[in-house]
Amino acid sequence: SKKKKNVIDPALLAVREKVEAQKRADEQAARVA
């Protein structure tokens, strides 16, 4: 509960979007394989 943040951090959102895009790319490559 102490580690919870009530602030929308643009840097954190950018990192999350980058991780999601990498996951989708890896999933697409696995499906092609």
ModelCIF file with pLDDT and N, C-alpha, C, O atoms, coordinates in Angstrom:
data_MODEL
#
_entry.id   MODEL 
#
_entity.id                         1 
_entity.type                       polymer 
_entity.pdbx_number_of_molecules   1 
#
_entity_poly.entity_id                      1 
_entity_poly.type                           'polypeptide(L)' 
_entity_poly.nstd_linkage                   no 
_entity_poly.nstd_monomer                   no 
_entity_poly.pdbx_seq_one_letter_code       SKKKKNVIDPALLAVREKVEAQKRADEQAARVA 
_entity_poly.pdbx_seq_one_letter_code_can   SKKKKNVIDPALLAVREKVEAQKRADEQAARVA 
_entity_poly.pdbx_strand_id                 A 
#
loop_
_entity_poly_seq.entity_id 
_entity_poly_seq.num 
_entity_poly_seq.mon_id 
_entity_poly_seq.hetero 
1 1  SER n 
1 2  LYS n 
1 3  LYS n 
1 4  LYS n 
1 5  LYS n 
1 6  ASN n 
1 7  VAL n 
1 8  ILE n 
1 9  ASP n 
1 10 PRO n 
1 11 ALA n 
1 12 LEU n 
1 13 LEU n 
1 14 ALA n 
1 15 VAL n 
1 16 ARG n 
1 17 GLU n 
1 18 LYS n 
1 19 VAL n 
1 20 GLU n 
1 21 ALA n 
1 22 GLN n 
1 23 LYS n 
1 24 ARG n 
1 25 ALA n 
1 26 ASP n 
1 27 GLU n 
1 28 GLN n 
1 29 ALA n 
1 30 ALA n 
1 31 ARG n 
1 32 VAL n 
1 33 ALA n 
#
_struct_asym.id          A 
_struct_asym.entity_id   1 
#
loop_
_ma_qa_metric.id 
_ma_qa_metric.mode 
_ma_qa_metric.name 
_ma_qa_metric.software_group_id 
_ma_qa_metric.type 
1 global pLDDT . pLDDT 
2 local  pLDDT . pLDDT 
#
_ma_qa_metric_global.metric_id      1 
_ma_qa_metric_global.metric_value   78.15 
_ma_qa_metric_global.model_id       1 
_ma_qa_metric_global.ordinal_id     1 
#
loop_
_ma_qa_metric_local.label_asym_id 
_ma_qa_metric_local.label_comp_id 
_ma_qa_metric_local.label_seq_id 
_ma_qa_metric_local.metric_id 
_ma_qa_metric_local.metric_value 
_ma_qa_metric_local.model_id 
_ma_qa_metric_local.ordinal_id 
A SER 1  2 62.00 1 1  
A LYS 2  2 57.00 1 2  
A LYS 3  2 54.00 1 3  
A LYS 4  2 56.00 1 4  
A LYS 5  2 56.00 1 5  
A ASN 6  2 57.00 1 6  
A VAL 7  2 58.00 1 7  
A ILE 8  2 64.00 1 8  
A ASP 9  2 68.00 1 9  
A PRO 10 2 75.00 1 10 
A ALA 11 2 74.00 1 11 
A LEU 12 2 71.00 1 12 
A LEU 13 2 80.00 1 13 
A ALA 14 2 82.00 1 14 
A VAL 15 2 80.00 1 15 
A ARG 16 2 82.00 1 16 
A GLU 17 2 88.00 1 17 
A LYS 18 2 87.00 1 18 
A VAL 19 2 86.00 1 19 
A GLU 20 2 90.00 1 20 
A ALA 21 2 91.00 1 21 
A GLN 22 2 90.00 1 22 
A LYS 23 2 91.00 1 23 
A ARG 24 2 91.00 1 24 
A ALA 25 2 91.00 1 25 
A ASP 26 2 91.00 1 26 
A GLU 27 2 90.00 1 27 
A GLN 28 2 88.00 1 28 
A ALA 29 2 88.00 1 29 
A ALA 30 2 88.00 1 30 
A ARG 31 2 86.00 1 31 
A VAL 32 2 83.00 1 32 
A ALA 33 2 84.00 1 33 
#
loop_
_atom_site.group_PDB 
_atom_site.id 
_atom_site.type_symbol 
_atom_site.label_atom_id 
_atom_site.label_alt_id 
_atom_site.label_comp_id 
_atom_site.label_asym_id 
_atom_site.label_entity_id 
_atom_site.label_seq_id 
_atom_site.pdbx_PDB_ins_code 
_atom_site.Cartn_x 
_atom_site.Cartn_y 
_atom_site.Cartn_z 
_atom_site.occupancy 
_atom_site.B_iso_or_equiv 
_atom_site.pdbx_formal_charge 
_atom_site.auth_seq_id 
_atom_site.auth_comp_id 
_atom_site.auth_asym_id 
_atom_site.auth_atom_id 
_atom_site.pdbx_PDB_model_num 
ATOM 1   N N  . SER A 1 1  ? 0.824  -1.210  0.000   1.00 62.00 ? 1  SER A N  1 
ATOM 2   C CA . SER A 1 1  ? 0.000  0.000   0.000   1.00 62.00 ? 1  SER A CA 1 
ATOM 3   C C  . SER A 1 1  ? 0.857  1.259   0.000   1.00 62.00 ? 1  SER A C  1 
ATOM 4   O O  . SER A 1 1  ? 0.459  2.285   -0.552  1.00 62.00 ? 1  SER A O  1 
ATOM 5   N N  . LYS A 1 2  ? 2.050  1.181   0.627   1.00 57.00 ? 2  LYS A N  1 
ATOM 6   C CA . LYS A 1 2  ? 2.950  2.335   0.601   1.00 57.00 ? 2  LYS A CA 1 
ATOM 7   C C  . LYS A 1 2  ? 3.533  2.544   -0.785  1.00 57.00 ? 2  LYS A C  1 
ATOM 8   O O  . LYS A 1 2  ? 3.840  3.672   -1.171  1.00 57.00 ? 2  LYS A O  1 
ATOM 9   N N  . LYS A 1 3  ? 3.686  1.465   -1.533  1.00 54.00 ? 3  LYS A N  1 
ATOM 10  C CA . LYS A 1 3  ? 4.282  1.576   -2.856  1.00 54.00 ? 3  LYS A CA 1 
ATOM 11  C C  . LYS A 1 3  ? 3.285  1.995   -3.921  1.00 54.00 ? 3  LYS A C  1 
ATOM 12  O O  . LYS A 1 3  ? 3.670  2.232   -5.066  1.00 54.00 ? 3  LYS A O  1 
ATOM 13  N N  . LYS A 1 4  ? 2.006  2.093   -3.566  1.00 56.00 ? 4  LYS A N  1 
ATOM 14  C CA . LYS A 1 4  ? 1.017  2.508   -4.547  1.00 56.00 ? 4  LYS A CA 1 
ATOM 15  C C  . LYS A 1 4  ? 1.212  3.975   -4.886  1.00 56.00 ? 4  LYS A C  1 
ATOM 16  O O  . LYS A 1 4  ? 1.498  4.788   -4.007  1.00 56.00 ? 4  LYS A O  1 
ATOM 17  N N  . LYS A 1 5  ? 1.062  4.306   -6.135  1.00 56.00 ? 5  LYS A N  1 
ATOM 18  C CA . LYS A 1 5  ? 1.192  5.681   -6.612  1.00 56.00 ? 5  LYS A CA 1 
ATOM 19  C C  . LYS A 1 5  ? -0.139 6.153   -7.151  1.00 56.00 ? 5  LYS A C  1 
ATOM 20  O O  . LYS A 1 5  ? -0.789 5.463   -7.936  1.00 56.00 ? 5  LYS A O  1 
ATOM 21  N N  . ASN A 1 6  ? -0.532 7.323   -6.726  1.00 57.00 ? 6  ASN A N  1 
ATOM 22  C CA . ASN A 1 6  ? -1.774 7.925   -7.212  1.00 57.00 ? 6  ASN A CA 1 
ATOM 23  C C  . ASN A 1 6  ? -1.476 8.995   -8.268  1.00 57.00 ? 6  ASN A C  1 
ATOM 24  O O  . ASN A 1 6  ? -2.212 9.972   -8.408  1.00 57.00 ? 6  ASN A O  1 
ATOM 25  N N  . VAL A 1 7  ? -0.387 8.789   -9.003  1.00 58.00 ? 7  VAL A N  1 
ATOM 26  C CA . VAL A 1 7  ? 0.046  9.753   -10.015 1.00 58.00 ? 7  VAL A CA 1 
ATOM 27  C C  . VAL A 1 7  ? 0.248  9.008   -11.330 1.00 58.00 ? 7  VAL A C  1 
ATOM 28  O O  . VAL A 1 7  ? 0.855  7.938   -11.357 1.00 58.00 ? 7  VAL A O  1 
ATOM 29  N N  . ILE A 1 8  ? -0.259 9.573   -12.409 1.00 64.00 ? 8  ILE A N  1 
ATOM 30  C CA . ILE A 1 8  ? -0.077 9.000   -13.740 1.00 64.00 ? 8  ILE A CA 1 
ATOM 31  C C  . ILE A 1 8  ? 1.265  9.487   -14.269 1.00 64.00 ? 8  ILE A C  1 
ATOM 32  O O  . ILE A 1 8  ? 1.415  10.660  -14.611 1.00 64.00 ? 8  ILE A O  1 
ATOM 33  N N  . ASP A 1 9  ? 2.226  8.595   -14.335 1.00 68.00 ? 9  ASP A N  1 
ATOM 34  C CA . ASP A 1 9  ? 3.562  8.957   -14.764 1.00 68.00 ? 9  ASP A CA 1 
ATOM 35  C C  . ASP A 1 9  ? 3.685  8.701   -16.264 1.00 68.00 ? 9  ASP A C  1 
ATOM 36  O O  . ASP A 1 9  ? 3.534  7.556   -16.690 1.00 68.00 ? 9  ASP A O  1 
ATOM 37  N N  . PRO A 1 10 ? 3.952  9.718   -17.080 1.00 75.00 ? 10 PRO A N  1 
ATOM 38  C CA . PRO A 1 10 ? 4.083  9.480   -18.531 1.00 75.00 ? 10 PRO A CA 1 
ATOM 39  C C  . PRO A 1 10 ? 5.211  8.512   -18.869 1.00 75.00 ? 10 PRO A C  1 
ATOM 40  O O  . PRO A 1 10 ? 5.087  7.727   -19.809 1.00 75.00 ? 10 PRO A O  1 
ATOM 41  N N  . ALA A 1 11 ? 6.309  8.557   -18.117 1.00 74.00 ? 11 ALA A N  1 
ATOM 42  C CA . ALA A 1 11 ? 7.417  7.648   -18.393 1.00 74.00 ? 11 ALA A CA 1 
ATOM 43  C C  . ALA A 1 11 ? 7.009  6.200   -18.128 1.00 74.00 ? 11 ALA A C  1 
ATOM 44  O O  . ALA A 1 11 ? 7.358  5.301   -18.893 1.00 74.00 ? 11 ALA A O  1 
ATOM 45  N N  . LEU A 1 12 ? 6.258  5.979   -17.025 1.00 71.00 ? 12 LEU A N  1 
ATOM 46  C CA . LEU A 1 12 ? 5.797  4.626   -16.705 1.00 71.00 ? 12 LEU A CA 1 
ATOM 47  C C  . LEU A 1 12 ? 4.823  4.118   -17.759 1.00 71.00 ? 12 LEU A C  1 
ATOM 48  O O  . LEU A 1 12 ? 4.881  2.952   -18.149 1.00 71.00 ? 12 LEU A O  1 
ATOM 49  N N  . LEU A 1 13 ? 3.928  4.988   -18.221 1.00 80.00 ? 13 LEU A N  1 
ATOM 50  C CA . LEU A 1 13 ? 2.994  4.573   -19.272 1.00 80.00 ? 13 LEU A CA 1 
ATOM 51  C C  . LEU A 1 13 ? 3.726  4.218   -20.557 1.00 80.00 ? 13 LEU A C  1 
ATOM 52  O O  . LEU A 1 13 ? 3.363  3.264   -21.245 1.00 80.00 ? 13 LEU A O  1 
ATOM 53  N N  . ALA A 1 14 ? 4.760  4.992   -20.875 1.00 82.00 ? 14 ALA A N  1 
ATOM 54  C CA . ALA A 1 14 ? 5.526  4.701   -22.093 1.00 82.00 ? 14 ALA A CA 1 
ATOM 55  C C  . ALA A 1 14 ? 6.229  3.354   -21.998 1.00 82.00 ? 14 ALA A C  1 
ATOM 56  O O  . ALA A 1 14 ? 6.272  2.597   -22.968 1.00 82.00 ? 14 ALA A O  1 
ATOM 57  N N  . VAL A 1 15 ? 6.789  3.054   -20.799 1.00 80.00 ? 15 VAL A N  1 
ATOM 58  C CA . VAL A 1 15 ? 7.444  1.757   -20.614 1.00 80.00 ? 15 VAL A CA 1 
ATOM 59  C C  . VAL A 1 15 ? 6.441  0.614   -20.726 1.00 80.00 ? 15 VAL A C  1 
ATOM 60  O O  . VAL A 1 15 ? 6.734  -0.416  -21.333 1.00 80.00 ? 15 VAL A O  1 
ATOM 61  N N  . ARG A 1 16 ? 5.251  0.796   -20.136 1.00 82.00 ? 16 ARG A N  1 
ATOM 62  C CA . ARG A 1 16 ? 4.227  -0.257  -20.220 1.00 82.00 ? 16 ARG A CA 1 
ATOM 63  C C  . ARG A 1 16 ? 3.786  -0.498  -21.657 1.00 82.00 ? 16 ARG A C  1 
ATOM 64  O O  . ARG A 1 16 ? 3.615  -1.643  -22.074 1.00 82.00 ? 16 ARG A O  1 
ATOM 65  N N  . GLU A 1 17 ? 3.600  0.592   -22.419 1.00 88.00 ? 17 GLU A N  1 
ATOM 66  C CA . GLU A 1 17 ? 3.225  0.434   -23.819 1.00 88.00 ? 17 GLU A CA 1 
ATOM 67  C C  . GLU A 1 17 ? 4.319  -0.277  -24.611 1.00 88.00 ? 17 GLU A C  1 
ATOM 68  O O  . GLU A 1 17 ? 4.036  -1.097  -25.485 1.00 88.00 ? 17 GLU A O  1 
ATOM 69  N N  . LYS A 1 18 ? 5.571  0.048   -24.293 1.00 87.00 ? 18 LYS A N  1 
ATOM 70  C CA . LYS A 1 18 ? 6.672  -0.625  -24.978 1.00 87.00 ? 18 LYS A CA 1 
ATOM 71  C C  . LYS A 1 18 ? 6.700  -2.116  -24.664 1.00 87.00 ? 18 LYS A C  1 
ATOM 72  O O  . LYS A 1 18 ? 6.940  -2.933  -25.553 1.00 87.00 ? 18 LYS A O  1 
ATOM 73  N N  . VAL A 1 19 ? 6.454  -2.476  -23.400 1.00 86.00 ? 19 VAL A N  1 
ATOM 74  C CA . VAL A 1 19 ? 6.436  -3.893  -23.006 1.00 86.00 ? 19 VAL A CA 1 
ATOM 75  C C  . VAL A 1 19 ? 5.280  -4.615  -23.677 1.00 86.00 ? 19 VAL A C  1 
ATOM 76  O O  . VAL A 1 19 ? 5.448  -5.738  -24.151 1.00 86.00 ? 19 VAL A O  1 
ATOM 77  N N  . GLU A 1 20 ? 4.097  -3.985  -23.728 1.00 90.00 ? 20 GLU A N  1 
ATOM 78  C CA . GLU A 1 20 ? 2.954  -4.599  -24.381 1.00 90.00 ? 20 GLU A CA 1 
ATOM 79  C C  . GLU A 1 20 ? 3.215  -4.804  -25.875 1.00 90.00 ? 20 GLU A C  1 
ATOM 80  O O  . GLU A 1 20 ? 2.870  -5.844  -26.436 1.00 90.00 ? 20 GLU A O  1 
ATOM 81  N N  . ALA A 1 21 ? 3.828  -3.800  -26.512 1.00 91.00 ? 21 ALA A N  1 
ATOM 82  C CA . ALA A 1 21 ? 4.131  -3.953  -27.940 1.00 91.00 ? 21 ALA A CA 1 
ATOM 83  C C  . ALA A 1 21 ? 5.122  -5.089  -28.179 1.00 91.00 ? 21 ALA A C  1 
ATOM 84  O O  . ALA A 1 21 ? 5.005  -5.823  -29.160 1.00 91.00 ? 21 ALA A O  1 
ATOM 85  N N  . GLN A 1 22 ? 6.101  -5.233  -27.279 1.00 90.00 ? 22 GLN A N  1 
ATOM 86  C CA . GLN A 1 22 ? 7.049  -6.339  -27.409 1.00 90.00 ? 22 GLN A CA 1 
ATOM 87  C C  . GLN A 1 22 ? 6.362  -7.680  -27.212 1.00 90.00 ? 22 GLN A C  1 
ATOM 88  O O  . GLN A 1 22 ? 6.681  -8.645  -27.907 1.00 90.00 ? 22 GLN A O  1 
ATOM 89  N N  . LYS A 1 23 ? 5.416  -7.754  -26.267 1.00 91.00 ? 23 LYS A N  1 
ATOM 90  C CA . LYS A 1 23 ? 4.682  -9.002  -26.048 1.00 91.00 ? 23 LYS A CA 1 
ATOM 91  C C  . LYS A 1 23 ? 3.851  -9.368  -27.267 1.00 91.00 ? 23 LYS A C  1 
ATOM 92  O O  . LYS A 1 23 ? 3.796  -10.529 -27.672 1.00 91.00 ? 23 LYS A O  1 
ATOM 93  N N  . ARG A 1 24 ? 3.196  -8.351  -27.854 1.00 91.00 ? 24 ARG A N  1 
ATOM 94  C CA . ARG A 1 24 ? 2.397  -8.648  -29.056 1.00 91.00 ? 24 ARG A CA 1 
ATOM 95  C C  . ARG A 1 24 ? 3.270  -9.100  -30.211 1.00 91.00 ? 24 ARG A C  1 
ATOM 96  O O  . ARG A 1 24 ? 2.881  -9.984  -30.974 1.00 91.00 ? 24 ARG A O  1 
ATOM 97  N N  . ALA A 1 25 ? 4.458  -8.496  -30.351 1.00 91.00 ? 25 ALA A N  1 
ATOM 98  C CA . ALA A 1 25 ? 5.365  -8.908  -31.423 1.00 91.00 ? 25 ALA A CA 1 
ATOM 99  C C  . ALA A 1 25 ? 5.857  -10.333 -31.210 1.00 91.00 ? 25 ALA A C  1 
ATOM 100 O O  . ALA A 1 25 ? 5.936  -11.119 -32.154 1.00 91.00 ? 25 ALA A O  1 
ATOM 101 N N  . ASP A 1 26 ? 6.193  -10.664 -29.943 1.00 91.00 ? 26 ASP A N  1 
ATOM 102 C CA . ASP A 1 26 ? 6.648  -12.024 -29.650 1.00 91.00 ? 26 ASP A CA 1 
ATOM 103 C C  . ASP A 1 26 ? 5.524  -13.041 -29.882 1.00 91.00 ? 26 ASP A C  1 
ATOM 104 O O  . ASP A 1 26 ? 5.763  -14.133 -30.397 1.00 91.00 ? 26 ASP A O  1 
ATOM 105 N N  . GLU A 1 27 ? 4.312  -12.676 -29.500 1.00 90.00 ? 27 GLU A N  1 
ATOM 106 C CA . GLU A 1 27 ? 3.181  -13.592 -29.713 1.00 90.00 ? 27 GLU A CA 1 
ATOM 107 C C  . GLU A 1 27 ? 2.914  -13.802 -31.201 1.00 90.00 ? 27 GLU A C  1 
ATOM 108 O O  . GLU A 1 27 ? 2.624  -14.919 -31.629 1.00 90.00 ? 27 GLU A O  1 
ATOM 109 N N  . GLN A 1 28 ? 3.012  -12.729 -31.992 1.00 88.00 ? 28 GLN A N  1 
ATOM 110 C CA . GLN A 1 28 ? 2.818  -12.843 -33.419 1.00 88.00 ? 28 GLN A CA 1 
ATOM 111 C C  . GLN A 1 28 ? 3.897  -13.723 -34.050 1.00 88.00 ? 28 GLN A C  1 
ATOM 112 O O  . GLN A 1 28 ? 3.612  -14.529 -34.935 1.00 88.00 ? 28 GLN A O  1 
ATOM 113 N N  . ALA A 1 29 ? 5.148  -13.559 -33.584 1.00 88.00 ? 29 ALA A N  1 
ATOM 114 C CA . ALA A 1 29 ? 6.231  -14.405 -34.121 1.00 88.00 ? 29 ALA A CA 1 
ATOM 115 C C  . ALA A 1 29 ? 6.030  -15.867 -33.761 1.00 88.00 ? 29 ALA A C  1 
ATOM 116 O O  . ALA A 1 29 ? 6.321  -16.757 -34.559 1.00 88.00 ? 29 ALA A O  1 
ATOM 117 N N  . ALA A 1 30 ? 5.523  -16.115 -32.534 1.00 88.00 ? 30 ALA A N  1 
ATOM 118 C CA . ALA A 1 30 ? 5.266  -17.504 -32.132 1.00 88.00 ? 30 ALA A CA 1 
ATOM 119 C C  . ALA A 1 30 ? 4.158  -18.128 -32.969 1.00 88.00 ? 30 ALA A C  1 
ATOM 120 O O  . ALA A 1 30 ? 4.235  -19.299 -33.341 1.00 88.00 ? 30 ALA A O  1 
ATOM 121 N N  . ARG A 1 31 ? 3.142  -17.350 -33.260 1.00 86.00 ? 31 ARG A N  1 
ATOM 122 C CA . ARG A 1 31 ? 2.042  -17.863 -34.083 1.00 86.00 ? 31 ARG A CA 1 
ATOM 123 C C  . ARG A 1 31 ? 2.513  -18.164 -35.508 1.00 86.00 ? 31 ARG A C  1 
ATOM 124 O O  . ARG A 1 31 ? 2.075  -19.142 -36.113 1.00 86.00 ? 31 ARG A O  1 
ATOM 125 N N  . VAL A 1 32 ? 3.392  -17.338 -36.038 1.00 83.00 ? 32 VAL A N  1 
ATOM 126 C CA . VAL A 1 32 ? 3.940  -17.604 -37.378 1.00 83.00 ? 32 VAL A CA 1 
ATOM 127 C C  . VAL A 1 32 ? 4.804  -18.845 -37.365 1.00 83.00 ? 32 VAL A C  1 
ATOM 128 O O  . VAL A 1 32 ? 4.792  -19.637 -38.307 1.00 83.00 ? 32 VAL A O  1 
ATOM 129 N N  . ALA A 1 33 ? 5.578  -19.013 -36.254 1.00 84.00 ? 33 ALA A N  1 
ATOM 130 C CA . ALA A 1 33 ? 6.428  -20.208 -36.172 1.00 84.00 ? 33 ALA A CA 1 
ATOM 131 C C  . ALA A 1 33 ? 5.593  -21.485 -36.073 1.00 84.00 ? 33 ALA A C  1 
ATOM 132 O O  . ALA A 1 33 ? 6.147  -22.581 -35.997 1.00 84.00 ? 33 ALA A O  1 
#
